[in-house]
Amino acid sequence: MPLGIKESEIDEHEIDYSSGDLLVLYTDGVSEAMNESNEMYGLENLIKLIERNGEMALGSLKELIIDTTDAFRGDAAPHDDYTLFMIRLP
């Protein structure tokens, strides 16, 4: 059951994963960070950032994501929280 979502239809999917795969869960405040021109950072940029740097230590990757989205946002006030949860699968 998704947290913070009232009754709705939910699709369930199964995914095969391999040892060492990276699972990243995040709130929309990360991908929807807005800059002063009201441009959104976007899911595509977040995916590219993670794909290019996925081998980093998790703490360093978390800091990179936060630093990158903060730099993109510039002086614009944050409109939402940033929550990241990352785990490298055994």
PDB file of N, CA and C in Angstrom:
ATOM      1  N   MET A   1       0.845  -1.170   0.000  1.00  0.00           N
ATOM      2  CA  MET A   1       0.000   0.000   0.000  1.00  0.00           C
ATOM      3  C   MET A   1       0.892   1.236   0.000  1.00  0.00           C
ATOM      4  N   PRO A   2       0.735   2.117  -0.967  1.00  0.00           N
ATOM      5  CA  PRO A   2       1.523   3.351  -0.979  1.00  0.00           C
ATOM      6  C   PRO A   2       1.191   4.230   0.219  1.00  0.00           C
ATOM      7  N   LEU A   3       2.201   4.829   0.774  1.00  0.00           N
ATOM      8  CA  LEU A   3       1.990   5.729   1.902  1.00  0.00           C
ATOM      9  C   LEU A   3       1.488   7.072   1.407  1.00  0.00           C
ATOM     10  N   GLY A   4       0.540   7.647   2.134  1.00  0.00           N
ATOM     11  CA  GLY A   4       0.065   8.984   1.812  1.00  0.00           C
ATOM     12  C   GLY A   4      -0.896   9.050   0.638  1.00  0.00           C
ATOM     13  N   ILE A   5      -1.366   7.908   0.172  1.00  0.00           N
ATOM     14  CA  ILE A   5      -2.300   7.885  -0.950  1.00  0.00           C
ATOM     15  C   ILE A   5      -3.575   7.200  -0.488  1.00  0.00           C
ATOM     16  N   LYS A   6      -4.688   7.870  -0.694  1.00  0.00           N
ATOM     17  CA  LYS A   6      -5.973   7.285  -0.321  1.00  0.00           C
ATOM     18  C   LYS A   6      -6.329   6.185  -1.306  1.00  0.00           C
ATOM     19  N   GLU A   7      -7.461   5.556  -1.073  1.00  0.00           N
ATOM     20  CA  GLU A   7      -7.876   4.430  -1.900  1.00  0.00           C
ATOM     21  C   GLU A   7      -7.723   4.735  -3.388  1.00  0.00           C
ATOM     22  N   SER A   8      -7.042   3.840  -4.078  1.00  0.00           N
ATOM     23  CA  SER A   8      -6.866   3.973  -5.519  1.00  0.00           C
ATOM     24  C   SER A   8      -6.430   2.629  -6.071  1.00  0.00           C
ATOM     25  N   GLU A   9      -6.432   2.518  -7.381  1.00  0.00           N
ATOM     26  CA  GLU A   9      -5.957   1.293  -8.002  1.00  0.00           C
ATOM     27  C   GLU A   9      -4.442   1.269  -7.979  1.00  0.00           C
ATOM     28  N   ILE A  10      -3.908   0.116  -7.653  1.00  0.00           N
ATOM     29  CA  ILE A  10      -2.463  -0.041  -7.577  1.00  0.00           C
ATOM     30  C   ILE A  10      -2.068  -1.223  -8.451  1.00  0.00           C
ATOM     31  N   ASP A  11      -1.119  -1.019  -9.328  1.00  0.00           N
ATOM     32  CA  ASP A  11      -0.582  -2.109 -10.135  1.00  0.00           C
ATOM     33  C   ASP A  11       0.616  -2.693  -9.417  1.00  0.00           C
ATOM     34  N   GLU A  12       0.686  -4.013  -9.364  1.00  0.00           N
ATOM     35  CA  GLU A  12       1.843  -4.677  -8.771  1.00  0.00           C
ATOM     36  C   GLU A  12       2.685  -5.275  -9.886  1.00  0.00           C
ATOM     37  N   HIS A  13       3.992  -5.175  -9.740  1.00  0.00           N
ATOM     38  CA  HIS A  13       4.921  -5.718 -10.718  1.00  0.00           C
ATOM     39  C   HIS A  13       6.031  -6.446  -9.983  1.00  0.00           C
ATOM     40  N   GLU A  14       6.568  -7.472 -10.595  1.00  0.00           N
ATOM     41  CA  GLU A  14       7.727  -8.160 -10.048  1.00  0.00           C
ATOM     42  C   GLU A  14       8.918  -7.868 -10.944  1.00  0.00           C
ATOM     43  N   ILE A  15      10.080  -7.715 -10.320  1.00  0.00           N
ATOM     44  CA  ILE A  15      11.293  -7.414 -11.062  1.00  0.00           C
ATOM     45  C   ILE A  15      12.369  -8.406 -10.642  1.00  0.00           C
ATOM     46  N   ASP A  16      13.102  -8.912 -11.614  1.00  0.00           N
ATOM     47  CA  ASP A  16      14.271  -9.729 -11.303  1.00  0.00           C
ATOM     48  C   ASP A  16      15.437  -8.788 -11.080  1.00  0.00           C
ATOM     49  N   TYR A  17      16.245  -9.084 -10.099  1.00  0.00           N
ATOM     50  CA  TYR A  17      17.413  -8.256  -9.842  1.00  0.00           C
ATOM     51  C   TYR A  17      18.622  -9.139  -9.649  1.00  0.00           C
ATOM     52  N   SER A  18      19.779  -8.521  -9.763  1.00  0.00           N
ATOM     53  CA  SER A  18      21.048  -9.222  -9.599  1.00  0.00           C
ATOM     54  C   SER A  18      21.781  -8.671  -8.397  1.00  0.00           C
ATOM     55  N   SER A  19      22.672  -9.458  -7.887  1.00  0.00           N
ATOM     56  CA  SER A  19      23.516  -9.007  -6.785  1.00  0.00           C
ATOM     57  C   SER A  19      24.255  -7.744  -7.212  1.00  0.00           C
ATOM     58  N   GLY A  20      24.249  -6.747  -6.346  1.00  0.00           N
ATOM     59  CA  GLY A  20      24.935  -5.497  -6.638  1.00  0.00           C
ATOM     60  C   GLY A  20      24.049  -4.440  -7.266  1.00  0.00           C
ATOM     61  N   ASP A  21      22.829  -4.811  -7.675  1.00  0.00           N
ATOM     62  CA  ASP A  21      21.908  -3.810  -8.229  1.00  0.00           C
ATOM     63  C   ASP A  21      21.605  -2.758  -7.175  1.00  0.00           C
ATOM     64  N   LEU A  22      21.290  -1.575  -7.631  1.00  0.00           N
ATOM     65  CA  LEU A  22      21.010  -0.445  -6.750  1.00  0.00           C
ATOM     66  C   LEU A  22      19.519  -0.147  -6.777  1.00  0.00           C
ATOM     67  N   LEU A  23      18.905  -0.101  -5.600  1.00  0.00           N
ATOM     68  CA  LEU A  23      17.501   0.264  -5.457  1.00  0.00           C
ATOM     69  C   LEU A  23      17.450   1.661  -4.862  1.00  0.00           C
ATOM     70  N   VAL A  24      16.790   2.582  -5.560  1.00  0.00           N
ATOM     71  CA  VAL A  24      16.684   3.969  -5.101  1.00  0.00           C
ATOM     72  C   VAL A  24      15.208   4.313  -4.967  1.00  0.00           C
ATOM     73  N   LEU A  25      14.800   4.670  -3.754  1.00  0.00           N
ATOM     74  CA  LEU A  25      13.444   5.149  -3.493  1.00  0.00           C
ATOM     75  C   LEU A  25      13.570   6.612  -3.110  1.00  0.00           C
ATOM     76  N   TYR A  26      12.673   7.434  -3.615  1.00  0.00           N
ATOM     77  CA  TYR A  26      12.791   8.874  -3.368  1.00  0.00           C
ATOM     78  C   TYR A  26      11.407   9.513  -3.415  1.00  0.00           C
ATOM     79  N   THR A  27      11.287  10.657  -2.773  1.00  0.00           N
ATOM     80  CA  THR A  27      10.045  11.417  -2.875  1.00  0.00           C
ATOM     81  C   THR A  27      10.125  12.343  -4.083  1.00  0.00           C
ATOM     82  N   ASP A  28       8.976  12.834  -4.495  1.00  0.00           N
ATOM     83  CA  ASP A  28       8.937  13.668  -5.694  1.00  0.00           C
ATOM     84  C   ASP A  28       9.650  15.001  -5.535  1.00  0.00           C
ATOM     85  N   GLY A  29       9.999  15.372  -4.315  1.00  0.00           N
ATOM     86  CA  GLY A  29      10.758  16.601  -4.110  1.00  0.00           C
ATOM     87  C   GLY A  29      12.132  16.546  -4.755  1.00  0.00           C
ATOM     88  N   VAL A  30      12.649  15.329  -4.967  1.00  0.00           N
ATOM     89  CA  VAL A  30      13.957  15.166  -5.608  1.00  0.00           C
ATOM     90  C   VAL A  30      13.826  15.397  -7.115  1.00  0.00           C
ATOM     91  N   SER A  31      12.969  14.637  -7.766  1.00  0.00           N
ATOM     92  CA  SER A  31      12.850  14.740  -9.230  1.00  0.00           C
ATOM     93  C   SER A  31      12.110  16.000  -9.679  1.00  0.00           C
ATOM     94  N   GLU A  32      11.292  16.573  -8.798  1.00  0.00           N
ATOM     95  CA  GLU A  32      10.513  17.755  -9.170  1.00  0.00           C
ATOM     96  C   GLU A  32      11.095  19.057  -8.627  1.00  0.00           C
ATOM     97  N   ALA A  33      12.380  19.054  -8.277  1.00  0.00           N
ATOM     98  CA  ALA A  33      13.036  20.295  -7.848  1.00  0.00           C
ATOM     99  C   ALA A  33      12.909  21.315  -8.979  1.00  0.00           C
ATOM    100  N   MET A  34      12.529  22.546  -8.630  1.00  0.00           N
ATOM    101  CA  MET A  34      12.292  23.591  -9.624  1.00  0.00           C
ATOM    102  C   MET A  34      13.342  24.691  -9.494  1.00  0.00           C
ATOM    103  N   ASN A  35      13.803  25.193 -10.640  1.00  0.00           N
ATOM    104  CA  ASN A  35      14.744  26.309 -10.602  1.00  0.00           C
ATOM    105  C   ASN A  35      13.986  27.637 -10.696  1.00  0.00           C
ATOM    106  N   GLU A  36      14.733  28.723 -10.757  1.00  0.00           N
ATOM    107  CA  GLU A  36      14.115  30.056 -10.780  1.00  0.00           C
ATOM    108  C   GLU A  36      13.298  30.317 -12.049  1.00  0.00           C
ATOM    109  N   SER A  37      13.533  29.542 -13.096  1.00  0.00           N
ATOM    110  CA  SER A  37      12.772  29.680 -14.347  1.00  0.00           C
ATOM    111  C   SER A  37      11.577  28.733 -14.385  1.00  0.00           C
ATOM    112  N   ASN A  38      11.268  28.131 -13.234  1.00  0.00           N
ATOM    113  CA  ASN A  38      10.172  27.157 -13.113  1.00  0.00           C
ATOM    114  C   ASN A  38      10.375  25.928 -13.986  1.00  0.00           C
ATOM    115  N   GLU A  39      11.637  25.575 -14.233  1.00  0.00           N
ATOM    116  CA  GLU A  39      11.954  24.337 -14.935  1.00  0.00           C
ATOM    117  C   GLU A  39      12.153  23.255 -13.884  1.00  0.00           C
ATOM    118  N   MET A  40      11.660  22.059 -14.182  1.00  0.00           N
ATOM    119  CA  MET A  40      11.779  20.942 -13.263  1.00  0.00           C
ATOM    120  C   MET A  40      13.053  20.147 -13.563  1.00  0.00           C
ATOM    121  N   TYR A  41      13.735  19.681 -12.509  1.00  0.00           N
ATOM    122  CA  TYR A  41      14.925  18.848 -12.701  1.00  0.00           C
ATOM    123  C   TYR A  41      14.553  17.616 -13.517  1.00  0.00           C
ATOM    124  N   GLY A  42      13.529  16.914 -13.125  1.00  0.00           N
ATOM    125  CA  GLY A  42      12.959  15.835 -13.925  1.00  0.00           C
ATOM    126  C   GLY A  42      13.523  14.452 -13.660  1.00  0.00           C
ATOM    127  N   LEU A  43      12.682  13.485 -13.924  1.00  0.00           N
ATOM    128  CA  LEU A  43      13.040  12.082 -13.733  1.00  0.00           C
ATOM    129  C   LEU A  43      14.169  11.666 -14.669  1.00  0.00           C
ATOM    130  N   GLU A  44      14.135  12.135 -15.903  1.00  0.00           N
ATOM    131  CA  GLU A  44      15.172  11.763 -16.872  1.00  0.00           C
ATOM    132  C   GLU A  44      16.560  12.179 -16.379  1.00  0.00           C
ATOM    133  N   ASN A  45      16.689  13.387 -15.861  1.00  0.00           N
ATOM    134  CA  ASN A  45      17.981  13.841 -15.339  1.00  0.00           C
ATOM    135  C   ASN A  45      18.398  13.038 -14.113  1.00  0.00           C
ATOM    136  N   LEU A  46      17.439  12.705 -13.246  1.00  0.00           N
ATOM    137  CA  LEU A  46      17.755  11.910 -12.062  1.00  0.00           C
ATOM    138  C   LEU A  46      18.249  10.526 -12.466  1.00  0.00           C
ATOM    139  N   ILE A  47      17.575   9.904 -13.415  1.00  0.00           N
ATOM    140  CA  ILE A  47      17.995   8.579 -13.887  1.00  0.00           C
ATOM    141  C   ILE A  47      19.402   8.644 -14.475  1.00  0.00           C
ATOM    142  N   LYS A  48      19.665   9.631 -15.323  1.00  0.00           N
ATOM    143  CA  LYS A  48      21.000   9.768 -15.922  1.00  0.00           C
ATOM    144  C   LYS A  48      22.072   9.950 -14.856  1.00  0.00           C
ATOM    145  N   LEU A  49      21.785  10.773 -13.850  1.00  0.00           N
ATOM    146  CA  LEU A  49      22.746  11.014 -12.776  1.00  0.00           C
ATOM    147  C   LEU A  49      23.060   9.716 -12.037  1.00  0.00           C
ATOM    148  N   ILE A  50      22.036   8.934 -11.736  1.00  0.00           N
ATOM    149  CA  ILE A  50      22.235   7.672 -11.017  1.00  0.00           C
ATOM    150  C   ILE A  50      22.951   6.663 -11.900  1.00  0.00           C
ATOM    151  N   GLU A  51      22.582   6.566 -13.173  1.00  0.00           N
ATOM    152  CA  GLU A  51      23.241   5.615 -14.076  1.00  0.00           C
ATOM    153  C   GLU A  51      24.726   5.934 -14.235  1.00  0.00           C
ATOM    154  N   ARG A  52      25.065   7.223 -14.338  1.00  0.00           N
ATOM    155  CA  ARG A  52      26.472   7.622 -14.516  1.00  0.00           C
ATOM    156  C   ARG A  52      27.301   7.417 -13.253  1.00  0.00           C
ATOM    157  N   ASN A  53      26.647   7.431 -12.091  1.00  0.00           N
ATOM    158  CA  ASN A  53      27.389   7.422 -10.828  1.00  0.00           C
ATOM    159  C   ASN A  53      26.973   6.300  -9.893  1.00  0.00           C
ATOM    160  N   GLY A  54      26.281   5.301 -10.400  1.00  0.00           N
ATOM    161  CA  GLY A  54      25.721   4.237  -9.579  1.00  0.00           C
ATOM    162  C   GLY A  54      26.725   3.379  -8.835  1.00  0.00           C
ATOM    163  N   GLU A  55      27.982   3.414  -9.239  1.00  0.00           N
ATOM    164  CA  GLU A  55      29.001   2.602  -8.562  1.00  0.00           C
ATOM    165  C   GLU A  55      29.602   3.306  -7.351  1.00  0.00           C
ATOM    166  N   MET A  56      29.234   4.564  -7.145  1.00  0.00           N
ATOM    167  CA  MET A  56      29.756   5.315  -5.989  1.00  0.00           C
ATOM    168  C   MET A  56      29.257   4.687  -4.691  1.00  0.00           C
ATOM    169  N   ALA A  57      29.958   4.973  -3.604  1.00  0.00           N
ATOM    170  CA  ALA A  57      29.457   4.598  -2.282  1.00  0.00           C
ATOM    171  C   ALA A  57      28.107   5.283  -2.085  1.00  0.00           C
ATOM    172  N   LEU A  58      27.186   4.614  -1.404  1.00  0.00           N
ATOM    173  CA  LEU A  58      25.825   5.137  -1.284  1.00  0.00           C
ATOM    174  C   LEU A  58      25.773   6.518  -0.643  1.00  0.00           C
ATOM    175  N   GLY A  59      26.564   6.750   0.390  1.00  0.00           N
ATOM    176  CA  GLY A  59      26.580   8.061   1.034  1.00  0.00           C
ATOM    177  C   GLY A  59      27.034   9.150   0.076  1.00  0.00           C
ATOM    178  N   SER A  60      28.043   8.836  -0.730  1.00  0.00           N
ATOM    179  CA  SER A  60      28.539   9.808  -1.714  1.00  0.00           C
ATOM    180  C   SER A  60      27.515  10.056  -2.812  1.00  0.00           C
ATOM    181  N   LEU A  61      26.833   9.003  -3.244  1.00  0.00           N
ATOM    182  CA  LEU A  61      25.806   9.154  -4.271  1.00  0.00           C
ATOM    183  C   LEU A  61      24.648   9.996  -3.750  1.00  0.00           C
ATOM    184  N   LYS A  62      24.246   9.763  -2.509  1.00  0.00           N
ATOM    185  CA  LYS A  62      23.172  10.564  -1.905  1.00  0.00           C
ATOM    186  C   LYS A  62      23.563  12.037  -1.891  1.00  0.00           C
ATOM    187  N   GLU A  63      24.790  12.324  -1.453  1.00  0.00           N
ATOM    188  CA  GLU A  63      25.257  13.711  -1.414  1.00  0.00           C
ATOM    189  C   GLU A  63      25.312  14.314  -2.815  1.00  0.00           C
ATOM    190  N   LEU A  64      25.739  13.528  -3.803  1.00  0.00           N
ATOM    191  CA  LEU A  64      25.798  14.014  -5.181  1.00  0.00           C
ATOM    192  C   LEU A  64      24.401  14.374  -5.688  1.00  0.00           C
ATOM    193  N   ILE A  65      23.422  13.523  -5.417  1.00  0.00           N
ATOM    194  CA  ILE A  65      22.051  13.801  -5.857  1.00  0.00           C
ATOM    195  C   ILE A  65      21.541  15.086  -5.211  1.00  0.00           C
ATOM    196  N   ILE A  66      21.729  15.218  -3.912  1.00  0.00           N
ATOM    197  CA  ILE A  66      21.263  16.417  -3.209  1.00  0.00           C
ATOM    198  C   ILE A  66      22.000  17.655  -3.704  1.00  0.00           C
ATOM    199  N   ASP A  67      23.327  17.563  -3.832  1.00  0.00           N
ATOM    200  CA  ASP A  67      24.112  18.712  -4.305  1.00  0.00           C
ATOM    201  C   ASP A  67      23.716  19.116  -5.728  1.00  0.00           C
ATOM    202  N   THR A  68      23.483  18.122  -6.586  1.00  0.00           N
ATOM    203  CA  THR A  68      23.137  18.399  -7.982  1.00  0.00           C
ATOM    204  C   THR A  68      21.765  19.051  -8.093  1.00  0.00           C
ATOM    205  N   THR A  69      20.784  18.530  -7.371  1.00  0.00           N
ATOM    206  CA  THR A  69      19.448  19.128  -7.438  1.00  0.00           C
ATOM    207  C   THR A  69      19.425  20.494  -6.758  1.00  0.00           C
ATOM    208  N   ASP A  70      20.211  20.664  -5.687  1.00  0.00           N
ATOM    209  CA  ASP A  70      20.318  21.987  -5.053  1.00  0.00           C
ATOM    210  C   ASP A  70      20.941  22.996  -6.015  1.00  0.00           C
ATOM    211  N   ALA A  71      21.995  22.583  -6.732  1.00  0.00           N
ATOM    212  CA  ALA A  71      22.644  23.479  -7.695  1.00  0.00           C
ATOM    213  C   ALA A  71      21.677  23.824  -8.829  1.00  0.00           C
ATOM    214  N   PHE A  72      20.905  22.839  -9.279  1.00  0.00           N
ATOM    215  CA  PHE A  72      19.912  23.091 -10.327  1.00  0.00           C
ATOM    216  C   PHE A  72      18.879  24.104  -9.844  1.00  0.00           C
ATOM    217  N   ARG A  73      18.439  23.952  -8.609  1.00  0.00           N
ATOM    218  CA  ARG A  73      17.419  24.834  -8.031  1.00  0.00           C
ATOM    219  C   ARG A  73      17.936  26.252  -7.893  1.00  0.00           C
ATOM    220  N   GLY A  74      19.237  26.408  -7.633  1.00  0.00           N
ATOM    221  CA  GLY A  74      19.821  27.739  -7.482  1.00  0.00           C
ATOM    222  C   GLY A  74      19.239  28.455  -6.283  1.00  0.00           C
ATOM    223  N   ASP A  75      18.815  29.699  -6.483  1.00  0.00           N
ATOM    224  CA  ASP A  75      18.264  30.504  -5.391  1.00  0.00           C
ATOM    225  C   ASP A  75      16.760  30.323  -5.203  1.00  0.00           C
ATOM    226  N   ALA A  76      16.143  29.465  -6.003  1.00  0.00           N
ATOM    227  CA  ALA A  76      14.705  29.216  -5.845  1.00  0.00           C
ATOM    228  C   ALA A  76      14.468  28.475  -4.531  1.00  0.00           C
ATOM    229  N   ALA A  77      13.412  28.850  -3.850  1.00  0.00           N
ATOM    230  CA  ALA A  77      13.068  28.192  -2.585  1.00  0.00           C
ATOM    231  C   ALA A  77      12.614  26.759  -2.865  1.00  0.00           C
ATOM    232  N   PRO A  78      13.012  25.815  -2.007  1.00  0.00           N
ATOM    233  CA  PRO A  78      12.527  24.442  -2.203  1.00  0.00           C
ATOM    234  C   PRO A  78      11.013  24.399  -1.998  1.00  0.00           C
ATOM    235  N   HIS A  79      10.323  23.633  -2.821  1.00  0.00           N
ATOM    236  CA  HIS A  79       8.866  23.541  -2.695  1.00  0.00           C
ATOM    237  C   HIS A  79       8.421  22.239  -2.042  1.00  0.00           C
ATOM    238  N   ASP A  80       9.363  21.352  -1.778  1.00  0.00           N
ATOM    239  CA  ASP A  80       9.013  20.050  -1.213  1.00  0.00           C
ATOM    240  C   ASP A  80      10.231  19.480  -0.498  1.00  0.00           C
ATOM    241  N   ASP A  81       9.994  18.427   0.278  1.00  0.00           N
ATOM    242  CA  ASP A  81      11.109  17.788   0.977  1.00  0.00           C
ATOM    243  C   ASP A  81      11.867  16.854   0.034  1.00  0.00           C
ATOM    244  N   TYR A  82      13.104  16.542   0.407  1.00  0.00           N
ATOM    245  CA  TYR A  82      13.911  15.546  -0.298  1.00  0.00           C
ATOM    246  C   TYR A  82      14.014  14.340   0.627  1.00  0.00           C
ATOM    247  N   THR A  83      13.574  13.198   0.159  1.00  0.00           N
ATOM    248  CA  THR A  83      13.774  11.967   0.908  1.00  0.00           C
ATOM    249  C   THR A  83      14.370  10.947  -0.045  1.00  0.00           C
ATOM    250  N   LEU A  84      15.490  10.364   0.343  1.00  0.00           N
ATOM    251  CA  LEU A  84      16.169   9.344  -0.460  1.00  0.00           C
ATOM    252  C   LEU A  84      16.427   8.121   0.401  1.00  0.00           C
ATOM    253  N   PHE A  85      16.184   6.952  -0.166  1.00  0.00           N
ATOM    254  CA  PHE A  85      16.531   5.692   0.479  1.00  0.00           C
ATOM    255  C   PHE A  85      17.199   4.857  -0.589  1.00  0.00           C
ATOM    256  N   MET A  86      18.433   4.434  -0.337  1.00  0.00           N
ATOM    257  CA  MET A  86      19.170   3.649  -1.319  1.00  0.00           C
ATOM    258  C   MET A  86      19.729   2.407  -0.659  1.00  0.00           C
ATOM    259  N   ILE A  87      19.687   1.318  -1.403  1.00  0.00           N
ATOM    260  CA  ILE A  87      20.279   0.076  -0.919  1.00  0.00           C
ATOM    261  C   ILE A  87      20.894  -0.654  -2.111  1.00  0.00           C
ATOM    262  N   ARG A  88      22.080  -1.194  -1.891  1.00  0.00           N
ATOM    263  CA  ARG A  88      22.714  -2.033  -2.904  1.00  0.00           C
ATOM    264  C   ARG A  88      22.348  -3.471  -2.538  1.00  0.00           C
ATOM    265  N   LEU A  89      21.710  -4.161  -3.463  1.00  0.00           N
ATOM    266  CA  LEU A  89      21.176  -5.484  -3.169  1.00  0.00           C
ATOM    267  C   LEU A  89      22.296  -6.514  -3.044  1.00  0.00           C
ATOM    268  N   PRO A  90      22.126  -7.442  -2.098  1.00  0.00           N
ATOM    269  CA  PRO A  90      23.170  -8.462  -1.858  1.00  0.00           C
ATOM    270  C   PRO A  90      23.233  -9.484  -2.981  1.00  0.00           C
TER     271      PRO A  90
END
